Amino acid sequence: MAYAVGGISGGHFNPAVSLGLAIGGRFAWKELVPYWIAQIAGAIVAAAALYAIASGKAGFAAGGFASNGFGELSPGGYSMQAALLIEIVLTAGFLIVILGSTSNAVPAGFAPIAIGLALTLIHLISIPVTNTSVNPARSTGAALFAETAAMGQLWLFWLAPVVGAAIGALVWRLLLRPDGTENA
């Protein structure tokens, strides 16, 4: 998707990433709220489409509908503290990859590959813990259709990615950004 629509919207599908890019100096603050609204609306439409497709099967039950969770809603039974920590750390790492791979200091055109591979790794690590968020919009869409207490835990899947994105952006901006590079 980043290659398909990156030239139009920057490939922003994630409110935490948009915030991190703003903190990192790569995204206009005035665009943040409109992007968040579009991202959340897109996630809800996508979740509704998936629900409509999945519910077409006899015996369908939404269950958790791939929503995020901790405690009894965690696939592996992980605690709230574990969920908070993994979502913060992985989102921070994700922002560092995004900011680093889109810097003018690296070869152009490869960022979507690095970003996609990083997101794949993030999912492999955190699906057993939280069902992987790092994207508050995705978490919101799935929670709306879940037949569990996912909505009651949604706060964590907004808080942790937003905090993680801010940390990752600050680490990049203050410690990792190459000196003298434009758009770095």
N, C-alpha and C. Protein backbone atom coordinates (compact mmCIF):
# COMPACT_ATOMS: atom_id res chain seq x y z
N MET A 1 0.82 -1.20 0.00
CA MET A 1 0.00 0.00 0.00
C MET A 1 0.86 1.26 0.00
N ALA A 2 2.01 1.19 0.66
CA ALA A 2 2.86 2.38 0.69
C ALA A 2 3.29 2.79 -0.71
N TYR A 3 3.61 1.80 -1.56
CA TYR A 3 3.97 2.12 -2.93
C TYR A 3 2.75 2.62 -3.71
N ALA A 4 1.59 2.06 -3.42
CA ALA A 4 0.38 2.42 -4.17
C ALA A 4 -0.11 3.82 -3.87
N VAL A 5 -0.14 4.21 -2.60
CA VAL A 5 -0.71 5.51 -2.24
C VAL A 5 0.26 6.43 -1.52
N GLY A 6 1.49 6.00 -1.36
CA GLY A 6 2.48 6.83 -0.68
C GLY A 6 2.67 8.18 -1.32
N GLY A 7 2.60 8.25 -2.63
CA GLY A 7 2.76 9.52 -3.33
C GLY A 7 1.58 10.45 -3.18
N ILE A 8 0.46 9.92 -2.75
CA ILE A 8 -0.76 10.73 -2.58
C ILE A 8 -0.86 11.24 -1.15
N SER A 9 -0.74 10.33 -0.19
CA SER A 9 -0.98 10.69 1.21
C SER A 9 0.22 10.49 2.10
N GLY A 10 1.31 10.03 1.55
CA GLY A 10 2.45 9.67 2.38
C GLY A 10 2.30 8.26 2.93
N GLY A 11 1.22 7.58 2.55
CA GLY A 11 1.00 6.22 3.04
C GLY A 11 0.63 6.17 4.51
N HIS A 12 -0.01 7.21 4.99
CA HIS A 12 -0.39 7.26 6.41
C HIS A 12 -1.68 6.48 6.65
N PHE A 13 -1.57 5.41 7.42
CA PHE A 13 -2.74 4.62 7.80
C PHE A 13 -2.86 4.54 9.32
N ASN A 14 -1.94 5.17 10.02
CA ASN A 14 -1.77 4.94 11.44
C ASN A 14 -1.64 6.28 12.18
N PRO A 15 -2.59 6.58 13.09
CA PRO A 15 -2.51 7.83 13.83
C PRO A 15 -1.23 7.99 14.65
N ALA A 16 -0.71 6.91 15.20
CA ALA A 16 0.52 6.99 15.98
C ALA A 16 1.69 7.37 15.08
N VAL A 17 1.76 6.81 13.89
CA VAL A 17 2.83 7.13 12.96
C VAL A 17 2.72 8.59 12.52
N SER A 18 1.53 9.04 12.23
CA SER A 18 1.35 10.45 11.83
C SER A 18 1.83 11.38 12.94
N LEU A 19 1.49 11.06 14.19
CA LEU A 19 1.96 11.86 15.31
C LEU A 19 3.48 11.83 15.39
N GLY A 20 4.06 10.65 15.29
CA GLY A 20 5.51 10.53 15.34
C GLY A 20 6.20 11.30 14.24
N LEU A 21 5.61 11.29 13.05
CA LEU A 21 6.19 12.06 11.95
C LEU A 21 6.10 13.55 12.22
N ALA A 22 5.02 14.00 12.85
CA ALA A 22 4.91 15.42 13.21
C ALA A 22 5.97 15.79 14.24
N ILE A 23 6.13 14.95 15.24
CA ILE A 23 7.16 15.20 16.26
C ILE A 23 8.55 15.16 15.63
N GLY A 24 8.73 14.28 14.67
CA GLY A 24 10.01 14.16 13.98
C GLY A 24 10.26 15.25 12.95
N GLY A 25 9.31 16.15 12.78
CA GLY A 25 9.47 17.26 11.85
C GLY A 25 9.19 16.90 10.40
N ARG A 26 8.49 15.80 10.17
CA ARG A 26 8.23 15.34 8.81
C ARG A 26 6.78 15.46 8.38
N PHE A 27 5.94 16.01 9.22
CA PHE A 27 4.52 16.09 8.92
C PHE A 27 3.97 17.36 9.55
N ALA A 28 3.13 18.06 8.85
CA ALA A 28 2.57 19.32 9.34
C ALA A 28 1.57 19.06 10.47
N TRP A 29 1.76 19.73 11.58
CA TRP A 29 0.86 19.58 12.73
C TRP A 29 -0.59 19.89 12.36
N LYS A 30 -0.80 20.86 11.46
CA LYS A 30 -2.16 21.24 11.10
C LYS A 30 -2.90 20.12 10.35
N GLU A 31 -2.17 19.18 9.81
CA GLU A 31 -2.77 18.06 9.08
C GLU A 31 -3.11 16.88 9.98
N LEU A 32 -2.64 16.90 11.23
CA LEU A 32 -2.75 15.73 12.10
C LEU A 32 -4.20 15.31 12.36
N VAL A 33 -5.05 16.21 12.80
CA VAL A 33 -6.43 15.84 13.13
C VAL A 33 -7.21 15.37 11.89
N PRO A 34 -7.11 16.06 10.75
CA PRO A 34 -7.81 15.54 9.57
C PRO A 34 -7.32 14.14 9.16
N TYR A 35 -6.02 13.90 9.27
CA TYR A 35 -5.50 12.57 8.97
C TYR A 35 -6.05 11.54 9.94
N TRP A 36 -6.06 11.88 11.24
CA TRP A 36 -6.58 10.95 12.24
C TRP A 36 -8.04 10.60 11.94
N ILE A 37 -8.83 11.57 11.58
CA ILE A 37 -10.24 11.31 11.26
C ILE A 37 -10.34 10.37 10.07
N ALA A 38 -9.56 10.63 9.03
CA ALA A 38 -9.58 9.76 7.84
C ALA A 38 -9.08 8.36 8.18
N GLN A 39 -8.05 8.26 9.00
CA GLN A 39 -7.50 6.96 9.36
C GLN A 39 -8.51 6.14 10.16
N ILE A 40 -9.16 6.76 11.10
CA ILE A 40 -10.16 6.05 11.91
C ILE A 40 -11.35 5.66 11.05
N ALA A 41 -11.82 6.56 10.21
CA ALA A 41 -12.94 6.24 9.31
C ALA A 41 -12.57 5.09 8.38
N GLY A 42 -11.36 5.12 7.83
CA GLY A 42 -10.90 4.04 6.96
C GLY A 42 -10.84 2.71 7.68
N ALA A 43 -10.36 2.72 8.91
CA ALA A 43 -10.27 1.49 9.69
C ALA A 43 -11.66 0.93 10.00
N ILE A 44 -12.60 1.80 10.28
CA ILE A 44 -13.97 1.34 10.56
C ILE A 44 -14.60 0.75 9.30
N VAL A 45 -14.42 1.42 8.17
CA VAL A 45 -14.95 0.89 6.90
C VAL A 45 -14.31 -0.45 6.58
N ALA A 46 -13.00 -0.57 6.77
CA ALA A 46 -12.31 -1.84 6.51
C ALA A 46 -12.82 -2.94 7.43
N ALA A 47 -12.97 -2.63 8.72
CA ALA A 47 -13.47 -3.63 9.66
C ALA A 47 -14.91 -4.03 9.32
N ALA A 48 -15.72 -3.07 8.90
CA ALA A 48 -17.10 -3.39 8.51
C ALA A 48 -17.12 -4.30 7.29
N ALA A 49 -16.24 -4.04 6.33
CA ALA A 49 -16.16 -4.90 5.15
C ALA A 49 -15.74 -6.31 5.54
N LEU A 50 -14.73 -6.42 6.40
CA LEU A 50 -14.30 -7.75 6.86
C LEU A 50 -15.41 -8.46 7.62
N TYR A 51 -16.12 -7.72 8.45
CA TYR A 51 -17.24 -8.31 9.19
C TYR A 51 -18.31 -8.81 8.23
N ALA A 52 -18.64 -8.01 7.22
CA ALA A 52 -19.66 -8.41 6.24
C ALA A 52 -19.23 -9.67 5.50
N ILE A 53 -17.97 -9.76 5.15
CA ILE A 53 -17.47 -10.96 4.46
C ILE A 53 -17.49 -12.16 5.39
N ALA A 54 -16.90 -12.01 6.57
CA ALA A 54 -16.78 -13.13 7.52
C ALA A 54 -18.15 -13.62 7.98
N SER A 55 -19.09 -12.71 8.14
CA SER A 55 -20.41 -13.12 8.62
C SER A 55 -21.22 -13.84 7.55
N GLY A 56 -20.69 -13.90 6.34
CA GLY A 56 -21.35 -14.65 5.28
C GLY A 56 -21.16 -16.15 5.39
N LYS A 57 -20.37 -16.59 6.32
CA LYS A 57 -20.13 -18.02 6.53
C LYS A 57 -21.09 -18.55 7.58
N ALA A 58 -21.69 -19.69 7.30
CA ALA A 58 -22.60 -20.32 8.25
C ALA A 58 -21.88 -20.57 9.57
N GLY A 59 -22.54 -20.25 10.65
CA GLY A 59 -21.98 -20.48 11.97
C GLY A 59 -20.99 -19.41 12.42
N PHE A 60 -20.89 -18.32 11.69
CA PHE A 60 -19.95 -17.27 12.04
C PHE A 60 -20.27 -16.69 13.41
N ALA A 61 -19.23 -16.45 14.19
CA ALA A 61 -19.33 -15.71 15.45
C ALA A 61 -18.14 -14.77 15.49
N ALA A 62 -18.39 -13.50 15.73
CA ALA A 62 -17.32 -12.50 15.69
C ALA A 62 -16.26 -12.76 16.75
N GLY A 63 -16.67 -13.21 17.92
CA GLY A 63 -15.70 -13.43 18.99
C GLY A 63 -14.88 -12.18 19.21
N GLY A 64 -13.57 -12.32 19.26
CA GLY A 64 -12.70 -11.18 19.47
C GLY A 64 -12.43 -10.38 18.21
N PHE A 65 -12.75 -10.92 17.05
CA PHE A 65 -12.60 -10.25 15.74
C PHE A 65 -11.22 -9.63 15.58
N ALA A 66 -10.19 -10.36 16.01
CA ALA A 66 -8.79 -9.91 15.93
C ALA A 66 -8.55 -8.60 16.66
N SER A 67 -9.37 -8.33 17.67
CA SER A 67 -9.17 -7.12 18.46
C SER A 67 -7.97 -7.30 19.38
N ASN A 68 -7.51 -6.20 19.90
CA ASN A 68 -6.37 -6.22 20.80
C ASN A 68 -6.84 -6.42 22.22
N GLY A 69 -5.96 -6.95 23.06
CA GLY A 69 -6.35 -7.13 24.44
C GLY A 69 -5.21 -7.52 25.34
N PHE A 70 -5.49 -7.40 26.63
CA PHE A 70 -4.56 -7.86 27.66
C PHE A 70 -5.37 -8.67 28.66
N GLY A 71 -4.68 -9.35 29.58
CA GLY A 71 -5.38 -10.20 30.53
C GLY A 71 -6.09 -11.33 29.80
N GLU A 72 -7.35 -11.50 30.08
CA GLU A 72 -8.10 -12.59 29.44
C GLU A 72 -8.36 -12.34 27.95
N LEU A 73 -8.17 -11.12 27.48
CA LEU A 73 -8.32 -10.84 26.05
C LEU A 73 -7.00 -10.94 25.29
N SER A 74 -5.91 -11.18 25.98
CA SER A 74 -4.62 -11.39 25.34
C SER A 74 -4.56 -12.81 24.82
N PRO A 75 -4.10 -13.02 23.58
CA PRO A 75 -3.99 -14.40 23.07
C PRO A 75 -3.17 -15.30 23.99
N GLY A 76 -2.13 -14.76 24.63
CA GLY A 76 -1.28 -15.56 25.51
C GLY A 76 -1.51 -15.30 26.98
N GLY A 77 -2.56 -14.53 27.32
CA GLY A 77 -2.86 -14.24 28.71
C GLY A 77 -1.92 -13.24 29.37
N TYR A 78 -1.29 -12.36 28.58
CA TYR A 78 -0.34 -11.39 29.12
C TYR A 78 -1.05 -10.26 29.87
N SER A 79 -0.35 -9.71 30.85
CA SER A 79 -0.90 -8.67 31.71
C SER A 79 -1.01 -7.32 31.00
N MET A 80 -1.70 -6.40 31.66
CA MET A 80 -1.82 -5.05 31.14
C MET A 80 -0.44 -4.39 31.04
N GLN A 81 0.41 -4.62 32.04
CA GLN A 81 1.74 -4.02 32.01
C GLN A 81 2.57 -4.56 30.84
N ALA A 82 2.48 -5.84 30.58
CA ALA A 82 3.20 -6.43 29.45
C ALA A 82 2.68 -5.87 28.14
N ALA A 83 1.38 -5.73 28.02
CA ALA A 83 0.78 -5.18 26.81
C ALA A 83 1.22 -3.73 26.60
N LEU A 84 1.20 -2.95 27.65
CA LEU A 84 1.60 -1.55 27.57
C LEU A 84 3.06 -1.44 27.13
N LEU A 85 3.92 -2.23 27.74
CA LEU A 85 5.34 -2.16 27.43
C LEU A 85 5.65 -2.61 26.00
N ILE A 86 5.08 -3.72 25.58
CA ILE A 86 5.40 -4.20 24.23
C ILE A 86 4.88 -3.25 23.16
N GLU A 87 3.70 -2.68 23.37
CA GLU A 87 3.15 -1.75 22.38
C GLU A 87 3.95 -0.45 22.33
N ILE A 88 4.42 0.03 23.47
CA ILE A 88 5.25 1.24 23.48
C ILE A 88 6.58 0.97 22.79
N VAL A 89 7.26 -0.09 23.20
CA VAL A 89 8.59 -0.39 22.66
C VAL A 89 8.54 -0.67 21.16
N LEU A 90 7.58 -1.47 20.72
CA LEU A 90 7.51 -1.81 19.29
C LEU A 90 7.08 -0.62 18.44
N THR A 91 6.20 0.22 18.95
CA THR A 91 5.83 1.41 18.18
C THR A 91 7.00 2.38 18.10
N ALA A 92 7.74 2.52 19.19
CA ALA A 92 8.93 3.39 19.15
C ALA A 92 9.92 2.87 18.11
N GLY A 93 10.17 1.58 18.11
CA GLY A 93 11.07 0.99 17.11
C GLY A 93 10.56 1.19 15.71
N PHE A 94 9.25 1.06 15.53
CA PHE A 94 8.64 1.24 14.21
C PHE A 94 8.88 2.67 13.70
N LEU A 95 8.72 3.65 14.58
CA LEU A 95 8.96 5.04 14.16
C LEU A 95 10.41 5.28 13.81
N ILE A 96 11.31 4.65 14.54
CA ILE A 96 12.73 4.80 14.23
C ILE A 96 13.02 4.23 12.84
N VAL A 97 12.44 3.08 12.52
CA VAL A 97 12.60 2.50 11.18
C VAL A 97 12.00 3.42 10.12
N ILE A 98 10.81 3.93 10.37
CA ILE A 98 10.15 4.80 9.40
C ILE A 98 10.97 6.07 9.16
N LEU A 99 11.36 6.73 10.23
CA LEU A 99 12.13 7.97 10.07
C LEU A 99 13.51 7.70 9.46
N GLY A 100 14.14 6.62 9.85
CA GLY A 100 15.44 6.30 9.30
C GLY A 100 15.39 5.91 7.84
N SER A 101 14.42 5.10 7.47
CA SER A 101 14.35 4.61 6.08
C SER A 101 13.82 5.65 5.10
N THR A 102 13.20 6.71 5.62
CA THR A 102 12.71 7.78 4.75
C THR A 102 13.61 9.01 4.78
N SER A 103 14.71 8.93 5.48
CA SER A 103 15.66 10.04 5.56
C SER A 103 16.34 10.25 4.21
N ASN A 104 16.70 11.48 3.94
CA ASN A 104 17.45 11.78 2.72
C ASN A 104 18.86 11.20 2.76
N ALA A 105 19.29 10.71 3.92
CA ALA A 105 20.63 10.16 4.06
C ALA A 105 20.72 8.71 3.57
N VAL A 106 19.59 8.12 3.19
CA VAL A 106 19.60 6.72 2.72
C VAL A 106 19.09 6.66 1.28
N PRO A 107 19.37 5.58 0.57
CA PRO A 107 18.91 5.47 -0.81
C PRO A 107 17.38 5.55 -0.90
N ALA A 108 16.90 6.30 -1.87
CA ALA A 108 15.46 6.49 -2.06
C ALA A 108 14.82 5.23 -2.64
N GLY A 109 13.56 5.04 -2.34
CA GLY A 109 12.77 3.99 -2.96
C GLY A 109 12.66 2.70 -2.18
N PHE A 110 13.46 2.54 -1.13
CA PHE A 110 13.45 1.28 -0.39
C PHE A 110 12.67 1.36 0.93
N ALA A 111 12.25 2.54 1.32
CA ALA A 111 11.58 2.71 2.61
C ALA A 111 10.38 1.77 2.78
N PRO A 112 9.49 1.64 1.78
CA PRO A 112 8.34 0.75 2.01
C PRO A 112 8.74 -0.71 2.29
N ILE A 113 9.86 -1.13 1.75
CA ILE A 113 10.31 -2.50 2.02
C ILE A 113 10.76 -2.61 3.47
N ALA A 114 11.59 -1.68 3.92
CA ALA A 114 12.06 -1.70 5.30
C ALA A 114 10.90 -1.57 6.28
N ILE A 115 9.99 -0.66 5.98
CA ILE A 115 8.83 -0.45 6.85
C ILE A 115 7.95 -1.69 6.89
N GLY A 116 7.68 -2.28 5.74
CA GLY A 116 6.86 -3.49 5.69
C GLY A 116 7.48 -4.66 6.43
N LEU A 117 8.78 -4.84 6.27
CA LEU A 117 9.46 -5.92 6.97
C LEU A 117 9.48 -5.67 8.48
N ALA A 118 9.67 -4.41 8.88
CA ALA A 118 9.63 -4.08 10.31
C ALA A 118 8.25 -4.37 10.89
N LEU A 119 7.21 -4.01 10.16
CA LEU A 119 5.85 -4.26 10.64
C LEU A 119 5.57 -5.76 10.72
N THR A 120 6.10 -6.52 9.78
CA THR A 120 5.95 -7.98 9.83
C THR A 120 6.61 -8.53 11.09
N LEU A 121 7.83 -8.09 11.37
CA LEU A 121 8.53 -8.53 12.57
C LEU A 121 7.76 -8.14 13.83
N ILE A 122 7.24 -6.93 13.86
CA ILE A 122 6.45 -6.46 15.00
C ILE A 122 5.27 -7.40 15.24
N HIS A 123 4.59 -7.79 14.17
CA HIS A 123 3.45 -8.71 14.32
C HIS A 123 3.90 -10.08 14.82
N LEU A 124 4.99 -10.59 14.28
CA LEU A 124 5.47 -11.89 14.74
C LEU A 124 5.80 -11.88 16.23
N ILE A 125 6.32 -10.77 16.71
CA ILE A 125 6.68 -10.65 18.12
C ILE A 125 5.45 -10.48 19.01
N SER A 126 4.51 -9.63 18.60
CA SER A 126 3.47 -9.21 19.54
C SER A 126 2.09 -9.82 19.35
N ILE A 127 1.85 -10.57 18.30
CA ILE A 127 0.53 -11.21 18.18
C ILE A 127 0.23 -12.07 19.42
N PRO A 128 1.16 -12.87 19.92
CA PRO A 128 0.83 -13.66 21.11
C PRO A 128 0.54 -12.82 22.36
N VAL A 129 1.06 -11.60 22.39
CA VAL A 129 0.90 -10.77 23.58
C VAL A 129 -0.39 -9.97 23.53
N THR A 130 -0.61 -9.22 22.45
CA THR A 130 -1.76 -8.30 22.38
C THR A 130 -2.61 -8.46 21.13
N ASN A 131 -2.23 -9.31 20.23
CA ASN A 131 -2.81 -9.40 18.89
C ASN A 131 -2.32 -8.25 18.02
N THR A 132 -1.29 -7.57 18.45
CA THR A 132 -0.59 -6.47 17.78
C THR A 132 -1.48 -5.29 17.44
N SER A 133 -1.18 -4.18 18.06
CA SER A 133 -1.81 -2.92 17.69
C SER A 133 -0.80 -2.10 16.91
N VAL A 134 0.00 -1.31 17.58
CA VAL A 134 0.88 -0.27 17.05
C VAL A 134 0.13 0.66 16.11
N ASN A 135 -1.18 0.49 15.98
CA ASN A 135 -2.01 1.33 15.13
C ASN A 135 -3.37 1.53 15.80
N PRO A 136 -3.58 2.68 16.44
CA PRO A 136 -4.85 2.92 17.13
C PRO A 136 -6.08 2.86 16.23
N ALA A 137 -5.96 3.24 14.98
CA ALA A 137 -7.11 3.18 14.07
C ALA A 137 -7.53 1.73 13.84
N ARG A 138 -6.56 0.86 13.55
CA ARG A 138 -6.86 -0.55 13.35
C ARG A 138 -7.50 -1.15 14.60
N SER A 139 -6.97 -0.78 15.75
CA SER A 139 -7.51 -1.29 17.01
C SER A 139 -8.95 -0.86 17.21
N THR A 140 -9.25 0.38 16.84
CA THR A 140 -10.61 0.90 16.99
C THR A 140 -11.57 0.16 16.07
N GLY A 141 -11.20 -0.01 14.81
CA GLY A 141 -12.08 -0.71 13.87
C GLY A 141 -12.41 -2.12 14.33
N ALA A 142 -11.39 -2.86 14.75
CA ALA A 142 -11.62 -4.24 15.19
C ALA A 142 -12.45 -4.29 16.47
N ALA A 143 -12.17 -3.39 17.42
CA ALA A 143 -12.89 -3.40 18.69
C ALA A 143 -14.38 -3.14 18.51
N LEU A 144 -14.74 -2.33 17.53
CA LEU A 144 -16.16 -2.02 17.31
C LEU A 144 -16.97 -3.25 16.93
N PHE A 145 -16.34 -4.24 16.33
CA PHE A 145 -17.05 -5.43 15.87
C PHE A 145 -16.82 -6.65 16.74
N ALA A 146 -15.96 -6.54 17.73
CA ALA A 146 -15.68 -7.66 18.62
C ALA A 146 -16.85 -7.91 19.56
N GLU A 147 -17.03 -9.16 19.91
CA GLU A 147 -18.08 -9.53 20.87
C GLU A 147 -17.46 -9.81 22.23
N THR A 148 -16.45 -9.01 22.56
CA THR A 148 -15.75 -9.15 23.83
C THR A 148 -15.71 -7.78 24.49
N ALA A 149 -14.90 -7.67 25.52
CA ALA A 149 -14.74 -6.39 26.22
C ALA A 149 -13.64 -5.55 25.57
N ALA A 150 -13.39 -5.73 24.29
CA ALA A 150 -12.31 -5.02 23.60
C ALA A 150 -12.45 -3.50 23.69
N MET A 151 -13.65 -2.99 23.62
CA MET A 151 -13.84 -1.53 23.71
C MET A 151 -13.37 -0.99 25.06
N GLY A 152 -13.53 -1.77 26.10
CA GLY A 152 -13.09 -1.35 27.43
C GLY A 152 -11.58 -1.31 27.58
N GLN A 153 -10.87 -2.02 26.71
CA GLN A 153 -9.41 -2.03 26.76
C GLN A 153 -8.79 -1.16 25.66
N LEU A 154 -9.62 -0.57 24.84
CA LEU A 154 -9.12 0.20 23.70
C LEU A 154 -8.22 1.35 24.12
N TRP A 155 -8.44 1.91 25.29
CA TRP A 155 -7.62 3.03 25.76
C TRP A 155 -6.13 2.69 25.69
N LEU A 156 -5.77 1.45 26.07
CA LEU A 156 -4.35 1.07 26.08
C LEU A 156 -3.79 1.06 24.66
N PHE A 157 -4.62 0.70 23.68
CA PHE A 157 -4.17 0.57 22.31
C PHE A 157 -4.24 1.89 21.54
N TRP A 158 -4.60 2.94 22.26
CA TRP A 158 -4.37 4.32 21.81
C TRP A 158 -3.18 4.89 22.58
N LEU A 159 -3.18 4.76 23.89
CA LEU A 159 -2.14 5.35 24.72
C LEU A 159 -0.75 4.80 24.37
N ALA A 160 -0.59 3.49 24.36
CA ALA A 160 0.74 2.90 24.16
C ALA A 160 1.33 3.24 22.79
N PRO A 161 0.60 3.09 21.67
CA PRO A 161 1.21 3.47 20.39
C PRO A 161 1.53 4.96 20.29
N VAL A 162 0.69 5.81 20.85
CA VAL A 162 0.95 7.25 20.79
C VAL A 162 2.20 7.59 21.61
N VAL A 163 2.32 7.03 22.80
CA VAL A 163 3.51 7.26 23.62
C VAL A 163 4.74 6.67 22.92
N GLY A 164 4.62 5.46 22.39
CA GLY A 164 5.73 4.84 21.69
C GLY A 164 6.17 5.64 20.48
N ALA A 165 5.22 6.15 19.72
CA ALA A 165 5.54 6.96 18.54
C ALA A 165 6.29 8.23 18.95
N ALA A 166 5.84 8.87 20.03
CA ALA A 166 6.52 10.08 20.51
C ALA A 166 7.94 9.75 20.94
N ILE A 167 8.12 8.66 21.65
CA ILE A 167 9.46 8.26 22.09
C ILE A 167 10.35 7.97 20.89
N GLY A 168 9.85 7.17 19.95
CA GLY A 168 10.63 6.84 18.77
C GLY A 168 11.03 8.07 17.97
N ALA A 169 10.09 8.99 17.81
CA ALA A 169 10.38 10.23 17.06
C ALA A 169 11.42 11.08 17.78
N LEU A 170 11.31 11.17 19.10
CA LEU A 170 12.29 11.96 19.86
C LEU A 170 13.67 11.30 19.84
N VAL A 171 13.71 9.98 19.96
CA VAL A 171 15.00 9.27 19.88
C VAL A 171 15.64 9.53 18.52
N TRP A 172 14.84 9.44 17.45
CA TRP A 172 15.37 9.70 16.12
C TRP A 172 15.87 11.14 16.01
N ARG A 173 15.02 12.06 16.40
CA ARG A 173 15.33 13.48 16.20
C ARG A 173 16.53 13.93 17.04
N LEU A 174 16.62 13.43 18.27
CA LEU A 174 17.66 13.91 19.18
C LEU A 174 18.95 13.08 19.14
N LEU A 175 18.86 11.81 18.78
CA LEU A 175 20.03 10.94 18.87
C LEU A 175 20.48 10.30 17.56
N LEU A 176 19.58 10.03 16.67
CA LEU A 176 19.92 9.21 15.50
C LEU A 176 19.95 9.96 14.18
N ARG A 177 19.30 11.09 14.09
CA ARG A 177 19.22 11.82 12.83
C ARG A 177 20.62 12.18 12.35
N PRO A 178 20.93 11.87 11.11
CA PRO A 178 22.25 12.23 10.57
C PRO A 178 22.41 13.75 10.54
N ASP A 179 23.55 14.22 10.95
CA ASP A 179 23.82 15.67 10.94
C ASP A 179 23.82 16.22 9.53
N GLY A 180 23.24 17.38 9.38
CA GLY A 180 23.29 18.10 8.11
C GLY A 180 22.44 17.51 7.01
N THR A 181 21.54 16.58 7.33
CA THR A 181 20.72 16.02 6.27
C THR A 181 19.37 16.72 6.24
N GLU A 182 18.93 17.02 5.06
CA GLU A 182 17.60 17.59 4.87
C GLU A 182 16.59 16.47 5.05
N ASN A 183 15.44 16.77 5.59
CA ASN A 183 14.37 15.78 5.76
C ASN A 183 14.87 14.60 6.58
N ALA A 184 15.71 14.85 7.53
CA ALA A 184 16.28 13.74 8.29
C ALA A 184 15.71 13.63 9.67
